[in-house]
Protein backbone atom coordinates (compact mmCIF):
# COMPACT_ATOMS: atom_id res chain seq x y z
CA MET A 1 14.09 30.57 -17.93
CA PHE A 2 13.48 28.32 -14.91
CA LYS A 3 14.61 29.36 -11.48
CA ALA A 4 16.61 26.89 -9.41
CA SER A 5 13.72 26.66 -6.91
CA THR A 6 11.30 25.66 -9.69
CA ILE A 7 13.61 22.90 -10.83
CA LEU A 8 14.03 21.69 -7.25
CA VAL A 9 10.27 21.60 -6.70
CA CYS A 10 9.77 19.64 -9.93
CA ALA A 11 12.51 17.21 -8.96
CA LEU A 12 10.97 16.70 -5.52
CA CYS A 13 7.52 16.09 -7.01
CA ALA A 14 8.91 13.57 -9.49
CA ALA A 15 10.60 11.75 -6.62
CA GLY A 16 7.28 11.48 -4.78
CA LEU A 17 7.98 14.09 -2.11
CA LYS A 18 5.05 16.09 -0.76
CA ILE A 19 5.84 19.81 -0.47
CA GLY A 20 4.38 21.84 2.40
CA SER A 21 3.90 19.04 4.91
CA THR A 22 5.92 18.67 8.08
CA GLN A 23 7.34 15.40 6.82
CA ALA A 24 8.12 14.46 3.25
CA VAL A 25 6.34 11.41 1.88
CA VAL A 26 9.03 9.53 0.03
CA GLY A 27 8.34 6.91 -2.61
CA GLU A 28 7.65 6.29 -6.26
CA TYR A 29 4.63 6.94 -8.46
CA ILE A 30 3.90 3.98 -10.69
CA ASP A 31 1.46 3.37 -13.53
CA VAL A 32 -0.66 0.27 -13.01
CA ASN A 33 -2.61 -0.30 -16.21
CA GLY A 34 -3.63 3.35 -16.42
CA ARG A 35 -4.05 3.84 -12.66
CA GLU A 36 -1.59 6.12 -10.87
CA MET A 37 -0.40 4.49 -7.66
CA PHE A 38 2.29 5.39 -5.16
CA VAL A 39 4.66 3.00 -3.40
CA GLY A 40 5.96 4.45 -0.16
CA SER A 41 9.63 3.97 0.64
CA ASP A 42 9.18 4.42 4.39
CA TRP A 43 8.61 1.42 6.64
CA VAL A 44 5.68 2.47 8.84
CA GLY A 45 2.67 1.10 10.71
CA ALA A 46 -0.71 0.94 8.97
CA THR A 47 -2.08 4.12 10.57
CA LEU A 48 0.90 6.22 9.49
CA ALA A 49 0.79 4.59 6.05
CA ALA A 50 -2.82 5.79 5.66
CA GLU A 51 -1.81 9.28 6.81
CA GLU A 52 1.06 9.39 4.32
CA CYS A 53 -1.32 8.42 1.52
CA THR A 54 -3.71 11.18 2.59
CA ALA A 55 -0.84 13.69 2.61
CA ILE A 56 -0.33 13.11 -1.12
CA GLY A 57 -4.05 13.09 -1.93
CA LYS A 58 -4.43 9.33 -2.09
CA LYS A 59 -5.60 6.44 0.12
CA LEU A 60 -4.24 3.01 0.96
CA VAL A 61 -4.88 0.58 -1.88
CA SER A 62 -8.02 -1.57 -1.82
CA PHE A 63 -8.26 -4.72 -3.89
CA ASP A 64 -11.98 -4.44 -4.52
CA ASP A 65 -11.16 -5.32 -8.13
CA LEU A 66 -9.26 -8.57 -8.73
CA ASN A 67 -7.62 -7.16 -11.86
CA LYS A 68 -6.27 -4.20 -9.89
CA TYR A 69 -4.46 -6.62 -7.56
CA LEU A 70 -3.06 -8.74 -10.39
CA ASP A 71 -2.00 -5.67 -12.40
CA LEU A 72 -0.23 -4.20 -9.36
CA LEU A 73 1.62 -7.46 -8.74
CA THR A 74 2.81 -7.49 -12.35
CA VAL A 75 4.32 -4.01 -11.97
CA LEU A 76 5.85 -4.65 -8.54
CA ARG A 77 7.39 -7.95 -9.61
CA ASN A 78 9.31 -6.13 -12.34
CA LYS A 79 11.05 -3.89 -9.80
CA GLU A 80 13.72 -5.60 -7.75
CA ASP A 81 13.24 -3.24 -4.77
CA TYR A 82 9.69 -4.53 -4.24
CA VAL A 83 10.15 -8.29 -4.49
CA TYR A 84 10.17 -10.20 -1.18
CA HIS A 85 8.57 -7.28 0.69
CA PHE A 86 5.26 -6.79 2.47
CA PHE A 87 2.98 -3.81 1.81
CA TRP A 88 0.01 -2.36 3.70
CA THR A 89 -3.42 -2.20 2.11
CA SER A 90 -6.59 -0.55 3.42
CA GLY A 91 -7.95 -3.96 4.42
CA ASN A 92 -8.84 -4.20 8.10
CA ARG A 93 -11.35 -5.51 10.58
CA ARG A 94 -11.38 -2.70 13.11
CA ALA A 95 -15.03 -1.80 12.72
CA ALA A 96 -16.41 -5.32 12.30
CA GLU A 97 -14.24 -7.63 14.35
CA THR A 98 -14.89 -10.81 12.37
CA MET A 99 -15.44 -9.31 8.92
CA TRP A 100 -12.67 -7.80 6.82
CA TYR A 101 -13.33 -4.76 4.68
CA TRP A 102 -11.57 -2.30 2.41
CA ASN A 103 -11.82 1.32 3.54
CA ASP A 104 -14.48 2.96 1.36
CA ALA A 105 -14.75 -0.12 -0.88
CA GLY A 106 -16.86 -2.71 0.92
CA PHE A 107 -16.12 -6.15 2.26
CA VAL A 108 -12.96 -8.07 1.42
CA THR A 109 -13.72 -10.89 -0.96
CA GLY A 110 -11.10 -12.92 -2.69
CA THR A 111 -9.03 -16.02 -2.54
CA PHE A 112 -5.55 -14.65 -1.95
CA TRP A 113 -5.36 -15.30 1.78
CA ALA A 114 -2.33 -17.38 2.76
CA PHE A 115 -2.89 -20.79 4.39
CA ARG A 116 -4.66 -20.39 7.74
CA GLN A 117 -5.12 -16.67 7.16
CA PRO A 118 -6.73 -14.69 8.50
CA ASP A 119 -6.22 -16.35 11.84
CA VAL A 120 -8.92 -14.53 13.75
CA SER A 121 -7.79 -16.15 16.97
CA GLN A 122 -5.16 -13.42 17.03
CA ASP A 123 -7.38 -10.47 17.98
CA GLN A 124 -4.57 -7.97 17.64
CA GLU A 125 -4.00 -8.82 13.96
CA ALA A 126 -6.49 -6.41 12.43
CA CYS A 127 -4.74 -5.06 9.32
CA LEU A 128 -4.19 -6.66 5.92
CA LYS A 129 -0.80 -6.79 4.21
CA PHE A 130 0.32 -8.51 1.04
CA THR A 131 3.64 -9.86 -0.13
CA VAL A 132 5.28 -9.64 -3.53
CA GLU A 133 6.91 -12.90 -4.55
CA PRO A 134 8.75 -13.26 -7.87
CA ASN A 135 7.39 -16.53 -9.23
CA THR A 136 4.93 -17.85 -6.69
CA ASP A 137 1.68 -16.75 -5.16
CA SER A 138 1.75 -13.31 -3.61
CA LEU A 139 -0.59 -13.70 -0.70
CA TRP A 140 -2.52 -11.74 1.93
CA TYR A 141 -1.85 -11.92 5.67
CA ASP A 142 -3.47 -10.42 8.72
CA GLU A 143 -1.00 -8.53 10.90
CA THR A 144 -0.78 -6.23 13.87
CA CYS A 145 -1.31 -2.72 12.57
CA ASP A 146 1.90 -1.43 14.13
CA GLU A 147 4.29 -3.64 12.15
CA TYR A 148 6.69 -1.51 10.13
CA ILE A 149 6.41 -2.33 6.43
CA ARG A 150 5.99 -0.39 3.18
CA PHE A 151 2.65 0.65 1.66
CA VAL A 152 0.81 1.28 -1.61
CA CYS A 153 -1.54 4.22 -2.21
CA GLU A 154 -4.07 4.72 -4.98
């Protein structure tokens, strides 16, 4: 027989809440072609997004694999709550001011930058976000790291 506390803990885990931390990480675990990912519900800056991923044993998503990006878009496009929103990735240029890289995954390569992005003339825009559009290109943008948007962990 399950105790009420056991059922509550299981319900919290299923909802994406981290037990034992000072702040619950709220979101949804999703399956992306066999990869478990987590979409945070909170709107936070990039640094806090990375911390929330770490709190649940994950890291901000890196699109070092083109198929990973396309597979994630397919899943997110099928969920109304994610369409027309921006999400943080691990992409940044903090360590190498002109080069973009994925944390722990090497340099950013790819062709999904929006027109005139990244606009390196904006020195404060050092973090990479992406948008989920329903029927058009979902593109990458450089942004100030303190903008409050959602995030994806892997």
